[in-house]
Amino acid sequence: MIDMHGNSAKTLRQNLLNQRTMFAAEHDYAQIQARLIDHLNELLSEQGDSWQSIALYWPIQDEIDLRSALVAWAKKAPNRTLSLPFARPDKHLDFYEWRQGDQLIQSKHGVPEPNPENPARPQLTPDCILIPCVGWSCSVVNGKTHYWRLGYGGGYFDRTLAQLRKNNPNLICMGIGFNWQKLDDSQWAAQTHDEPLDMLLTESGLLR
């Protein structure tokens, strides 16, 4: 765990990103990544029938790549769809259908994203959204554990989830991270505008 007591969230993010780069280069990374993907496949086997559309992310900066597992899930039933986020100028996200092999465009942040002008790939409302974590934390309120995501600082997901949850109370928001990314209160605490995760998936399994 990184000791970042007294430092800014910006510094904390950069240190976590640096550590993730080193972590991805370690000899046992492939095994740890495989364990997390195994847990994802277990979850998809258990709950995947209740979801018609899953929003994934295009991995950047050594984020774990879940695309193959999700493409395999989508192919198992004709009504299943995958989507990717498109960043709007107002810092909200829309989700558009994505299929393997689609040509993507670059966002201003350099993230590959779907082309909203493509008539063959409609905008979708996902049942489940997978969100990569730069770091994560948990807190217990009234006996219930809440999980929180430290992201890149743009606030896109927080704004989007706040709106989507008003329209769909059954939306599942799942953070994707590793055990070592867990932060304690001395390092980082969620703010009032931060949206909680419904569950968190790490190489140790599903937390909820």
C-alpha atoms as a PDB file:
ATOM      1  CA  MET A   1       0.000   0.000   0.000  1.00  0.00           C
ATOM      2  CA  ILE A   2       1.261   3.459  -0.872  1.00  0.00           C
ATOM      3  CA  ASP A   3       1.812   5.823   2.046  1.00  0.00           C
ATOM      4  CA  MET A   4       0.398   9.088   0.760  1.00  0.00           C
ATOM      5  CA  HIS A   5      -0.672  10.716   4.037  1.00  0.00           C
ATOM      6  CA  GLY A   6      -0.750  14.481   3.684  1.00  0.00           C
ATOM      7  CA  ASN A   7      -0.428  14.558  -0.093  1.00  0.00           C
ATOM      8  CA  SER A   8      -2.972  15.740  -2.643  1.00  0.00           C
ATOM      9  CA  ALA A   9      -5.369  13.519  -4.556  1.00  0.00           C
ATOM     10  CA  LYS A  10      -3.520  14.479  -7.743  1.00  0.00           C
ATOM     11  CA  THR A  11      -0.230  13.232  -6.324  1.00  0.00           C
ATOM     12  CA  LEU A  12      -1.924  10.125  -4.985  1.00  0.00           C
ATOM     13  CA  ARG A  13      -3.350   9.321  -8.420  1.00  0.00           C
ATOM     14  CA  GLN A  14       0.005   9.726 -10.111  1.00  0.00           C
ATOM     15  CA  ASN A  15       1.743   7.510  -7.575  1.00  0.00           C
ATOM     16  CA  LEU A  16      -0.927   4.846  -7.950  1.00  0.00           C
ATOM     17  CA  LEU A  17      -0.630   4.988 -11.744  1.00  0.00           C
ATOM     18  CA  ASN A  18       3.148   4.662 -11.496  1.00  0.00           C
ATOM     19  CA  GLN A  19       2.772   1.685  -9.204  1.00  0.00           C
ATOM     20  CA  ARG A  20       0.245   0.101 -11.574  1.00  0.00           C
ATOM     21  CA  THR A  21       2.763   0.339 -14.410  1.00  0.00           C
ATOM     22  CA  MET A  22       5.367  -1.424 -12.279  1.00  0.00           C
ATOM     23  CA  PHE A  23       2.804  -3.977 -11.105  1.00  0.00           C
ATOM     24  CA  ALA A  24       1.837  -4.845 -14.705  1.00  0.00           C
ATOM     25  CA  ALA A  25       5.490  -5.560 -15.481  1.00  0.00           C
ATOM     26  CA  GLU A  26       5.965  -8.024 -12.614  1.00  0.00           C
ATOM     27  CA  HIS A  27       6.439 -11.704 -13.369  1.00  0.00           C
ATOM     28  CA  ASP A  28       3.292 -12.823 -11.555  1.00  0.00           C
ATOM     29  CA  TYR A  29       0.985 -10.202 -13.096  1.00  0.00           C
ATOM     30  CA  ALA A  30      -0.425 -12.631 -15.675  1.00  0.00           C
ATOM     31  CA  GLN A  31      -1.476 -15.029 -12.905  1.00  0.00           C
ATOM     32  CA  ILE A  32      -3.107 -12.263 -10.856  1.00  0.00           C
ATOM     33  CA  GLN A  33      -4.893 -10.937 -13.936  1.00  0.00           C
ATOM     34  CA  ALA A  34      -6.126 -14.441 -14.756  1.00  0.00           C
ATOM     35  CA  ARG A  35      -7.557 -14.839 -11.246  1.00  0.00           C
ATOM     36  CA  LEU A  36      -9.537 -11.609 -11.572  1.00  0.00           C
ATOM     37  CA  ILE A  37     -10.871 -12.659 -14.983  1.00  0.00           C
ATOM     38  CA  ASP A  38     -11.822 -16.070 -13.555  1.00  0.00           C
ATOM     39  CA  HIS A  39     -13.880 -14.301 -10.889  1.00  0.00           C
ATOM     40  CA  LEU A  40     -15.509 -12.162 -13.584  1.00  0.00           C
ATOM     41  CA  ASN A  41     -16.436 -15.273 -15.558  1.00  0.00           C
ATOM     42  CA  GLU A  42     -17.943 -16.810 -12.419  1.00  0.00           C
ATOM     43  CA  LEU A  43     -20.045 -13.699 -11.897  1.00  0.00           C
ATOM     44  CA  LEU A  44     -21.173 -13.687 -15.521  1.00  0.00           C
ATOM     45  CA  SER A  45     -22.172 -17.349 -15.218  1.00  0.00           C
ATOM     46  CA  GLU A  46     -24.174 -16.664 -12.063  1.00  0.00           C
ATOM     47  CA  GLN A  47     -25.778 -13.316 -12.894  1.00  0.00           C
ATOM     48  CA  GLY A  48     -25.150 -12.769 -16.589  1.00  0.00           C
ATOM     49  CA  ASP A  49     -28.623 -13.901 -17.590  1.00  0.00           C
ATOM     50  CA  SER A  50     -30.137 -10.973 -15.680  1.00  0.00           C
ATOM     51  CA  TRP A  51     -28.176  -8.451 -17.763  1.00  0.00           C
ATOM     52  CA  GLN A  52     -28.845  -7.670 -21.392  1.00  0.00           C
ATOM     53  CA  SER A  53     -26.291  -4.895 -21.850  1.00  0.00           C
ATOM     54  CA  ILE A  54     -22.910  -4.490 -20.154  1.00  0.00           C
ATOM     55  CA  ALA A  55     -20.800  -1.354 -20.508  1.00  0.00           C
ATOM     56  CA  LEU A  56     -17.096  -2.070 -20.487  1.00  0.00           C
ATOM     57  CA  TYR A  57     -14.066   0.182 -20.852  1.00  0.00           C
ATOM     58  CA  TRP A  58     -11.248   0.313 -23.366  1.00  0.00           C
ATOM     59  CA  PRO A  59      -8.129  -0.391 -21.283  1.00  0.00           C
ATOM     60  CA  ILE A  60      -5.514   2.363 -21.042  1.00  0.00           C
ATOM     61  CA  GLN A  61      -2.496   2.946 -18.796  1.00  0.00           C
ATOM     62  CA  ASP A  62      -2.147  -0.710 -17.740  1.00  0.00           C
ATOM     63  CA  GLU A  63      -5.818  -1.210 -16.820  1.00  0.00           C
ATOM     64  CA  ILE A  64      -6.792  -4.870 -16.842  1.00  0.00           C
ATOM     65  CA  ASP A  65      -8.226  -5.989 -20.174  1.00  0.00           C
ATOM     66  CA  LEU A  66     -11.632  -7.665 -19.807  1.00  0.00           C
ATOM     67  CA  ARG A  67     -12.709  -7.478 -23.444  1.00  0.00           C
ATOM     68  CA  SER A  68     -12.258 -11.157 -24.359  1.00  0.00           C
ATOM     69  CA  ALA A  69     -14.304 -12.370 -21.378  1.00  0.00           C
ATOM     70  CA  LEU A  70     -17.111  -9.936 -22.147  1.00  0.00           C
ATOM     71  CA  VAL A  71     -17.153 -10.686 -25.873  1.00  0.00           C
ATOM     72  CA  ALA A  72     -17.511 -14.377 -24.971  1.00  0.00           C
ATOM     73  CA  TRP A  73     -20.426 -13.524 -22.649  1.00  0.00           C
ATOM     74  CA  ALA A  74     -22.161 -11.487 -25.356  1.00  0.00           C
ATOM     75  CA  LYS A  75     -21.866 -14.273 -27.917  1.00  0.00           C
ATOM     76  CA  LYS A  76     -23.725 -16.762 -25.711  1.00  0.00           C
ATOM     77  CA  ALA A  77     -27.148 -15.158 -26.308  1.00  0.00           C
ATOM     78  CA  PRO A  78     -28.512 -13.136 -29.241  1.00  0.00           C
ATOM     79  CA  ASN A  79     -30.000 -10.370 -27.093  1.00  0.00           C
ATOM     80  CA  ARG A  80     -26.773  -9.517 -25.273  1.00  0.00           C
ATOM     81  CA  THR A  81     -24.913  -6.327 -26.147  1.00  0.00           C
ATOM     82  CA  LEU A  82     -21.743  -4.558 -25.093  1.00  0.00           C
ATOM     83  CA  SER A  83     -21.202  -0.825 -25.051  1.00  0.00           C
ATOM     84  CA  LEU A  84     -18.379   1.657 -24.607  1.00  0.00           C
ATOM     85  CA  PRO A  85     -18.537   5.151 -23.115  1.00  0.00           C
ATOM     86  CA  PHE A  86     -18.384   8.315 -25.170  1.00  0.00           C
ATOM     87  CA  ALA A  87     -17.285  11.460 -23.305  1.00  0.00           C
ATOM     88  CA  ARG A  88     -19.563  14.421 -23.963  1.00  0.00           C
ATOM     89  CA  PRO A  89     -18.310  18.027 -23.772  1.00  0.00           C
ATOM     90  CA  ASP A  90     -20.347  18.523 -20.585  1.00  0.00           C
ATOM     91  CA  LYS A  91     -18.306  15.774 -18.880  1.00  0.00           C
ATOM     92  CA  HIS A  92     -21.084  13.192 -18.898  1.00  0.00           C
ATOM     93  CA  LEU A  93     -20.854   9.801 -20.589  1.00  0.00           C
ATOM     94  CA  ASP A  94     -23.145   8.237 -23.165  1.00  0.00           C
ATOM     95  CA  PHE A  95     -22.872   4.551 -24.003  1.00  0.00           C
ATOM     96  CA  TYR A  96     -22.928   3.203 -27.552  1.00  0.00           C
ATOM     97  CA  GLU A  97     -23.036  -0.372 -28.749  1.00  0.00           C
ATOM     98  CA  TRP A  98     -19.611  -1.862 -29.414  1.00  0.00           C
ATOM     99  CA  ARG A  99     -18.716  -4.974 -31.355  1.00  0.00           C
ATOM    100  CA  GLN A 100     -15.322  -6.545 -31.724  1.00  0.00           C
ATOM    101  CA  GLY A 101     -13.526  -5.046 -34.716  1.00  0.00           C
ATOM    102  CA  ASP A 102     -15.330  -1.694 -34.637  1.00  0.00           C
ATOM    103  CA  GLN A 103     -13.275   1.339 -35.599  1.00  0.00           C
ATOM    104  CA  LEU A 104     -13.057   3.780 -32.695  1.00  0.00           C
ATOM    105  CA  ILE A 105     -12.198   7.453 -32.469  1.00  0.00           C
ATOM    106  CA  GLN A 106      -9.796   9.168 -30.064  1.00  0.00           C
ATOM    107  CA  SER A 107     -11.210  11.341 -27.297  1.00  0.00           C
ATOM    108  CA  LYS A 108      -9.437  14.548 -26.297  1.00  0.00           C
ATOM    109  CA  HIS A 109      -7.880  12.521 -23.478  1.00  0.00           C
ATOM    110  CA  GLY A 110      -6.540   9.954 -25.944  1.00  0.00           C
ATOM    111  CA  VAL A 111      -9.057   7.255 -24.970  1.00  0.00           C
ATOM    112  CA  PRO A 112     -10.520   5.175 -27.821  1.00  0.00           C
ATOM    113  CA  GLU A 113     -14.290   5.612 -27.849  1.00  0.00           C
ATOM    114  CA  PRO A 114     -17.250   4.875 -30.142  1.00  0.00           C
ATOM    115  CA  ASN A 115     -18.333   7.241 -32.867  1.00  0.00           C
ATOM    116  CA  PRO A 116     -21.736   8.662 -31.854  1.00  0.00           C
ATOM    117  CA  GLU A 117     -22.458   9.438 -35.511  1.00  0.00           C
ATOM    118  CA  ASN A 118     -22.359   5.757 -36.492  1.00  0.00           C
ATOM    119  CA  PRO A 119     -26.006   4.807 -37.244  1.00  0.00           C
ATOM    120  CA  ALA A 120     -25.182   1.095 -36.966  1.00  0.00           C
ATOM    121  CA  ARG A 121     -24.187   1.455 -33.302  1.00  0.00           C
ATOM    122  CA  PRO A 122     -27.090   2.923 -31.309  1.00  0.00           C
ATOM    123  CA  GLN A 123     -26.901   4.536 -27.913  1.00  0.00           C
ATOM    124  CA  LEU A 124     -27.679   2.019 -25.166  1.00  0.00           C
ATOM    125  CA  THR A 125     -28.661   2.086 -21.513  1.00  0.00           C
ATOM    126  CA  PRO A 126     -26.510  -0.523 -19.766  1.00  0.00           C
ATOM    127  CA  ASP A 127     -27.732  -2.834 -17.017  1.00  0.00           C
ATOM    128  CA  CYS A 128     -24.217  -3.148 -15.633  1.00  0.00           C
ATOM    129  CA  ILE A 129     -21.240  -0.808 -15.922  1.00  0.00           C
ATOM    130  CA  LEU A 130     -17.656  -1.950 -15.327  1.00  0.00           C
ATOM    131  CA  ILE A 131     -15.385   0.860 -14.160  1.00  0.00           C
ATOM    132  CA  PRO A 132     -11.614   0.589 -13.698  1.00  0.00           C
ATOM    133  CA  CYS A 133     -10.192   1.940 -10.457  1.00  0.00           C
ATOM    134  CA  VAL A 134      -7.001   3.907  -9.956  1.00  0.00           C
ATOM    135  CA  GLY A 135      -7.573   3.245  -6.266  1.00  0.00           C
ATOM    136  CA  TRP A 136     -10.485   2.168  -4.089  1.00  0.00           C
ATOM    137  CA  SER A 137     -11.692   2.295  -0.516  1.00  0.00           C
ATOM    138  CA  CYS A 138     -14.536   1.020   1.625  1.00  0.00           C
ATOM    139  CA  SER A 139     -16.563   2.385   4.505  1.00  0.00           C
ATOM    140  CA  VAL A 140     -19.255   0.963   6.754  1.00  0.00           C
ATOM    141  CA  VAL A 141     -22.424   2.974   7.351  1.00  0.00           C
ATOM    142  CA  ASN A 142     -25.240   1.535   9.469  1.00  0.00           C
ATOM    143  CA  GLY A 143     -23.742  -1.918   9.165  1.00  0.00           C
ATOM    144  CA  LYS A 144     -23.547  -1.805   5.365  1.00  0.00           C
ATOM    145  CA  THR A 145     -20.226  -1.737   3.507  1.00  0.00           C
ATOM    146  CA  HIS A 146     -19.861   0.829   0.742  1.00  0.00           C
ATOM    147  CA  TYR A 147     -17.120   0.737  -1.873  1.00  0.00           C
ATOM    148  CA  TRP A 148     -15.690   3.848  -3.470  1.00  0.00           C
ATOM    149  CA  ARG A 149     -13.590   4.473  -6.568  1.00  0.00           C
ATOM    150  CA  LEU A 150     -10.712   6.853  -6.986  1.00  0.00           C
ATOM    151  CA  GLY A 151     -10.571   7.599 -10.700  1.00  0.00           C
ATOM    152  CA  TYR A 152      -8.655   9.969 -12.928  1.00  0.00           C
ATOM    153  CA  GLY A 153     -10.250  13.094 -11.469  1.00  0.00           C
ATOM    154  CA  GLY A 154     -12.519  14.173 -14.313  1.00  0.00           C
ATOM    155  CA  GLY A 155     -15.767  13.283 -12.551  1.00  0.00           C
ATOM    156  CA  TYR A 156     -17.293  11.740 -15.702  1.00  0.00           C
ATOM    157  CA  PHE A 157     -18.489   8.554 -14.052  1.00  0.00           C
ATOM    158  CA  ASP A 158     -19.843  10.277 -10.937  1.00  0.00           C
ATOM    159  CA  ARG A 159     -21.994  12.670 -12.969  1.00  0.00           C
ATOM    160  CA  THR A 160     -23.160   9.888 -15.270  1.00  0.00           C
ATOM    161  CA  LEU A 161     -24.011   7.403 -12.536  1.00  0.00           C
ATOM    162  CA  ALA A 162     -25.966   9.979 -10.556  1.00  0.00           C
ATOM    163  CA  GLN A 163     -28.210  10.529 -13.572  1.00  0.00           C
ATOM    164  CA  LEU A 164     -28.460   6.890 -14.672  1.00  0.00           C
ATOM    165  CA  ARG A 165     -29.419   5.734 -11.185  1.00  0.00           C
ATOM    166  CA  LYS A 166     -32.352   8.137 -11.149  1.00  0.00           C
ATOM    167  CA  ASN A 167     -33.646   6.494 -14.316  1.00  0.00           C
ATOM    168  CA  ASN A 168     -32.719   2.931 -13.412  1.00  0.00           C
ATOM    169  CA  PRO A 169     -32.514   2.071  -9.702  1.00  0.00           C
ATOM    170  CA  ASN A 170     -31.490  -1.492 -10.644  1.00  0.00           C
ATOM    171  CA  LEU A 171     -28.320  -0.369 -12.426  1.00  0.00           C
ATOM    172  CA  ILE A 172     -25.225  -2.273 -11.266  1.00  0.00           C
ATOM    173  CA  CYS A 173     -21.982  -0.333 -11.093  1.00  0.00           C
ATOM    174  CA  MET A 174     -18.960  -2.573 -10.554  1.00  0.00           C
ATOM    175  CA  GLY A 175     -15.464  -1.320  -9.884  1.00  0.00           C
ATOM    176  CA  ILE A 176     -12.496  -3.279 -11.235  1.00  0.00           C
ATOM    177  CA  GLY A 177      -9.271  -3.150  -9.235  1.00  0.00           C
ATOM    178  CA  PHE A 178      -6.525  -5.008  -7.436  1.00  0.00           C
ATOM    179  CA  ASN A 179      -6.044  -5.691  -3.740  1.00  0.00           C
ATOM    180  CA  TRP A 180      -2.972  -3.449  -3.471  1.00  0.00           C
ATOM    181  CA  GLN A 181      -5.000  -0.441  -4.696  1.00  0.00           C
ATOM    182  CA  LYS A 182      -7.062  -0.342  -1.502  1.00  0.00           C
ATOM    183  CA  LEU A 183      -6.719   2.984   0.328  1.00  0.00           C
ATOM    184  CA  ASP A 184      -7.399   3.783   3.958  1.00  0.00           C
ATOM    185  CA  ASP A 185      -8.907   6.969   5.360  1.00  0.00           C
ATOM    186  CA  SER A 186      -5.500   8.554   5.972  1.00  0.00           C
ATOM    187  CA  GLN A 187      -4.750   8.294   2.255  1.00  0.00           C
ATOM    188  CA  TRP A 188      -8.070   9.208   0.654  1.00  0.00           C
ATOM    189  CA  ALA A 189     -11.721   9.563   1.619  1.00  0.00           C
ATOM    190  CA  ALA A 190     -14.714   9.732  -0.732  1.00  0.00           C
ATOM    191  CA  GLN A 191     -16.277  13.162  -1.191  1.00  0.00           C
ATOM    192  CA  THR A 192     -19.963  14.051  -1.142  1.00  0.00           C
ATOM    193  CA  HIS A 193     -20.128  14.097  -4.965  1.00  0.00           C
ATOM    194  CA  ASP A 194     -18.592  10.621  -5.302  1.00  0.00           C
ATOM    195  CA  GLU A 195     -20.994   7.892  -6.379  1.00  0.00           C
ATOM    196  CA  PRO A 196     -20.615   4.557  -4.556  1.00  0.00           C
ATOM    197  CA  LEU A 197     -19.944   1.285  -6.323  1.00  0.00           C
ATOM    198  CA  ASP A 198     -22.515  -1.499  -6.020  1.00  0.00           C
ATOM    199  CA  MET A 199     -19.741  -4.085  -6.005  1.00  0.00           C
ATOM    200  CA  LEU A 200     -16.003  -4.352  -6.487  1.00  0.00           C
ATOM    201  CA  LEU A 201     -14.107  -7.103  -8.293  1.00  0.00           C
ATOM    202  CA  THR A 202     -10.466  -7.894  -7.475  1.00  0.00           C
ATOM    203  CA  GLU A 203      -8.214 -10.915  -7.836  1.00  0.00           C
ATOM    204  CA  SER A 204      -9.587 -12.101  -4.468  1.00  0.00           C
ATOM    205  CA  GLY A 205     -13.158 -12.186  -5.718  1.00  0.00           C
ATOM    206  CA  LEU A 206     -16.332 -10.134  -5.627  1.00  0.00           C
ATOM    207  CA  LEU A 207     -16.892  -7.626  -2.803  1.00  0.00           C
ATOM    208  CA  ARG A 208     -20.362  -6.233  -2.166  1.00  0.00           C
END
